[in-house]
Amino acid sequence: MQIILIFIRHYLLCLIGTFFRYLFKNIINIIKNNPENELKYAFVGFLFLGIILLILI
């Protein structure tokens, strides 16, 4: 039973990681279209910092 939970947790974390990668890639593409908007850079920075802190904590 415990091995099944390990596999489920592994695939769930992989799915979450893929979602964040897709989200981060889309945000970077939005920023590249409008490079003069510094508010978007700040948003991406806080989002990325939040993701890192979420993973560490």
N, C-alpha and C. Protein backbone atom coordinates (compact mmCIF):
# COMPACT_ATOMS: atom_id res chain seq x y z
N MET A 1 0.83 -1.20 0.00
CA MET A 1 0.00 0.00 0.00
C MET A 1 0.87 1.26 0.00
N GLN A 2 1.96 1.22 0.74
CA GLN A 2 2.81 2.40 0.83
C GLN A 2 3.49 2.71 -0.49
N ILE A 3 3.83 1.67 -1.27
CA ILE A 3 4.46 1.89 -2.57
C ILE A 3 3.50 2.60 -3.52
N ILE A 4 2.22 2.30 -3.41
CA ILE A 4 1.22 2.97 -4.25
C ILE A 4 1.15 4.45 -3.89
N LEU A 5 1.18 4.76 -2.61
CA LEU A 5 1.16 6.16 -2.18
C LEU A 5 2.40 6.91 -2.66
N ILE A 6 3.54 6.24 -2.69
CA ILE A 6 4.77 6.87 -3.18
C ILE A 6 4.63 7.20 -4.66
N PHE A 7 4.09 6.26 -5.45
CA PHE A 7 3.89 6.52 -6.88
C PHE A 7 2.89 7.65 -7.12
N ILE A 8 1.81 7.65 -6.36
CA ILE A 8 0.81 8.72 -6.51
C ILE A 8 1.42 10.07 -6.17
N ARG A 9 2.17 10.13 -5.08
CA ARG A 9 2.81 11.39 -4.68
C ARG A 9 3.81 11.84 -5.73
N HIS A 10 4.58 10.90 -6.27
CA HIS A 10 5.57 11.24 -7.30
C HIS A 10 4.89 11.84 -8.53
N TYR A 11 3.86 11.17 -9.04
CA TYR A 11 3.20 11.67 -10.24
C TYR A 11 2.44 12.96 -9.98
N LEU A 12 1.92 13.13 -8.79
CA LEU A 12 1.24 14.37 -8.44
C LEU A 12 2.23 15.53 -8.41
N LEU A 13 3.41 15.32 -7.81
CA LEU A 13 4.42 16.37 -7.79
C LEU A 13 4.95 16.67 -9.18
N CYS A 14 5.08 15.65 -10.03
CA CYS A 14 5.50 15.88 -11.42
C CYS A 14 4.46 16.72 -12.16
N LEU A 15 3.19 16.43 -11.93
CA LEU A 15 2.12 17.18 -12.58
C LEU A 15 2.11 18.63 -12.11
N ILE A 16 2.31 18.85 -10.82
CA ILE A 16 2.37 20.22 -10.30
C ILE A 16 3.58 20.96 -10.86
N GLY A 17 4.72 20.29 -10.95
CA GLY A 17 5.91 20.90 -11.52
C GLY A 17 5.72 21.28 -12.98
N THR A 18 5.06 20.41 -13.74
CA THR A 18 4.78 20.70 -15.15
C THR A 18 3.85 21.90 -15.27
N PHE A 19 2.85 21.99 -14.40
CA PHE A 19 1.92 23.11 -14.43
C PHE A 19 2.65 24.43 -14.16
N PHE A 20 3.54 24.45 -13.15
CA PHE A 20 4.27 25.67 -12.85
C PHE A 20 5.24 26.04 -13.97
N ARG A 21 5.83 25.04 -14.60
CA ARG A 21 6.73 25.31 -15.74
C ARG A 21 5.95 25.94 -16.89
N TYR A 22 4.77 25.39 -17.19
CA TYR A 22 3.93 25.92 -18.25
C TYR A 22 3.48 27.34 -17.93
N LEU A 23 3.08 27.58 -16.69
CA LEU A 23 2.64 28.91 -16.26
C LEU A 23 3.78 29.91 -16.35
N PHE A 24 4.96 29.54 -15.86
CA PHE A 24 6.11 30.43 -15.90
C PHE A 24 6.52 30.74 -17.33
N LYS A 25 6.46 29.74 -18.22
CA LYS A 25 6.81 29.94 -19.63
C LYS A 25 5.84 30.91 -20.29
N ASN A 26 4.56 30.81 -19.98
CA ASN A 26 3.57 31.73 -20.56
C ASN A 26 3.77 33.15 -20.04
N ILE A 27 4.09 33.30 -18.77
CA ILE A 27 4.32 34.64 -18.21
C ILE A 27 5.55 35.27 -18.84
N ILE A 28 6.60 34.49 -19.05
CA ILE A 28 7.81 35.01 -19.70
C ILE A 28 7.50 35.45 -21.12
N ASN A 29 6.67 34.69 -21.84
CA ASN A 29 6.30 35.07 -23.21
C ASN A 29 5.50 36.37 -23.22
N ILE A 30 4.65 36.59 -22.23
CA ILE A 30 3.90 37.85 -22.14
C ILE A 30 4.86 39.01 -21.91
N ILE A 31 5.85 38.81 -21.05
CA ILE A 31 6.81 39.87 -20.75
C ILE A 31 7.64 40.20 -21.98
N LYS A 32 8.02 39.20 -22.75
CA LYS A 32 8.84 39.45 -23.94
C LYS A 32 8.10 40.31 -24.96
N ASN A 33 6.78 40.22 -24.98
CA ASN A 33 6.00 41.03 -25.92
C ASN A 33 5.95 42.49 -25.49
N ASN A 34 6.02 42.78 -24.20
CA ASN A 34 5.98 44.14 -23.67
C ASN A 34 7.14 44.34 -22.69
N PRO A 35 8.36 44.51 -23.16
CA PRO A 35 9.50 44.57 -22.22
C PRO A 35 9.56 45.85 -21.39
N GLU A 36 8.80 46.89 -21.77
CA GLU A 36 8.91 48.14 -21.03
C GLU A 36 8.08 48.15 -19.74
N ASN A 37 7.27 47.14 -19.54
CA ASN A 37 6.40 47.12 -18.38
C ASN A 37 7.10 46.46 -17.20
N GLU A 38 7.60 47.26 -16.26
CA GLU A 38 8.36 46.73 -15.13
C GLU A 38 7.46 46.08 -14.09
N LEU A 39 6.17 46.40 -14.09
CA LEU A 39 5.26 45.78 -13.15
C LEU A 39 5.15 44.28 -13.41
N LYS A 40 5.19 43.90 -14.68
CA LYS A 40 5.15 42.47 -15.01
C LYS A 40 6.41 41.77 -14.54
N TYR A 41 7.56 42.43 -14.64
CA TYR A 41 8.80 41.84 -14.13
C TYR A 41 8.70 41.62 -12.63
N ALA A 42 8.15 42.58 -11.92
CA ALA A 42 7.99 42.45 -10.47
C ALA A 42 7.04 41.30 -10.13
N PHE A 43 5.96 41.18 -10.90
CA PHE A 43 4.99 40.11 -10.67
C PHE A 43 5.63 38.74 -10.86
N VAL A 44 6.40 38.59 -11.93
CA VAL A 44 7.07 37.32 -12.19
C VAL A 44 8.09 37.01 -11.09
N GLY A 45 8.80 38.02 -10.64
CA GLY A 45 9.77 37.82 -9.56
C GLY A 45 9.12 37.35 -8.28
N PHE A 46 8.01 37.99 -7.89
CA PHE A 46 7.32 37.58 -6.67
C PHE A 46 6.69 36.20 -6.84
N LEU A 47 6.17 35.91 -8.03
CA LEU A 47 5.59 34.59 -8.28
C LEU A 47 6.66 33.51 -8.18
N PHE A 48 7.80 33.75 -8.80
CA PHE A 48 8.89 32.78 -8.77
C PHE A 48 9.41 32.59 -7.35
N LEU A 49 9.55 33.67 -6.61
CA LEU A 49 10.00 33.59 -5.22
C LEU A 49 8.99 32.82 -4.37
N GLY A 50 7.71 33.06 -4.61
CA GLY A 50 6.67 32.33 -3.88
C GLY A 50 6.70 30.84 -4.16
N ILE A 51 6.95 30.47 -5.43
CA ILE A 51 7.03 29.06 -5.78
C ILE A 51 8.22 28.40 -5.09
N ILE A 52 9.35 29.08 -5.09
CA ILE A 52 10.54 28.52 -4.43
C ILE A 52 10.30 28.35 -2.93
N LEU A 53 9.70 29.36 -2.29
CA LEU A 53 9.42 29.26 -0.86
C LEU A 53 8.40 28.17 -0.57
N LEU A 54 7.42 28.00 -1.47
CA LEU A 54 6.42 26.95 -1.29
C LEU A 54 7.08 25.58 -1.33
N ILE A 55 8.03 25.40 -2.23
CA ILE A 55 8.73 24.12 -2.34
C ILE A 55 9.61 23.88 -1.12
N LEU A 56 10.30 24.92 -0.66
CA LEU A 56 11.22 24.75 0.47
C LEU A 56 10.50 24.56 1.79
N ILE A 57 9.36 25.21 1.95
CA ILE A 57 8.62 25.13 3.22
C ILE A 57 7.60 24.06 3.09
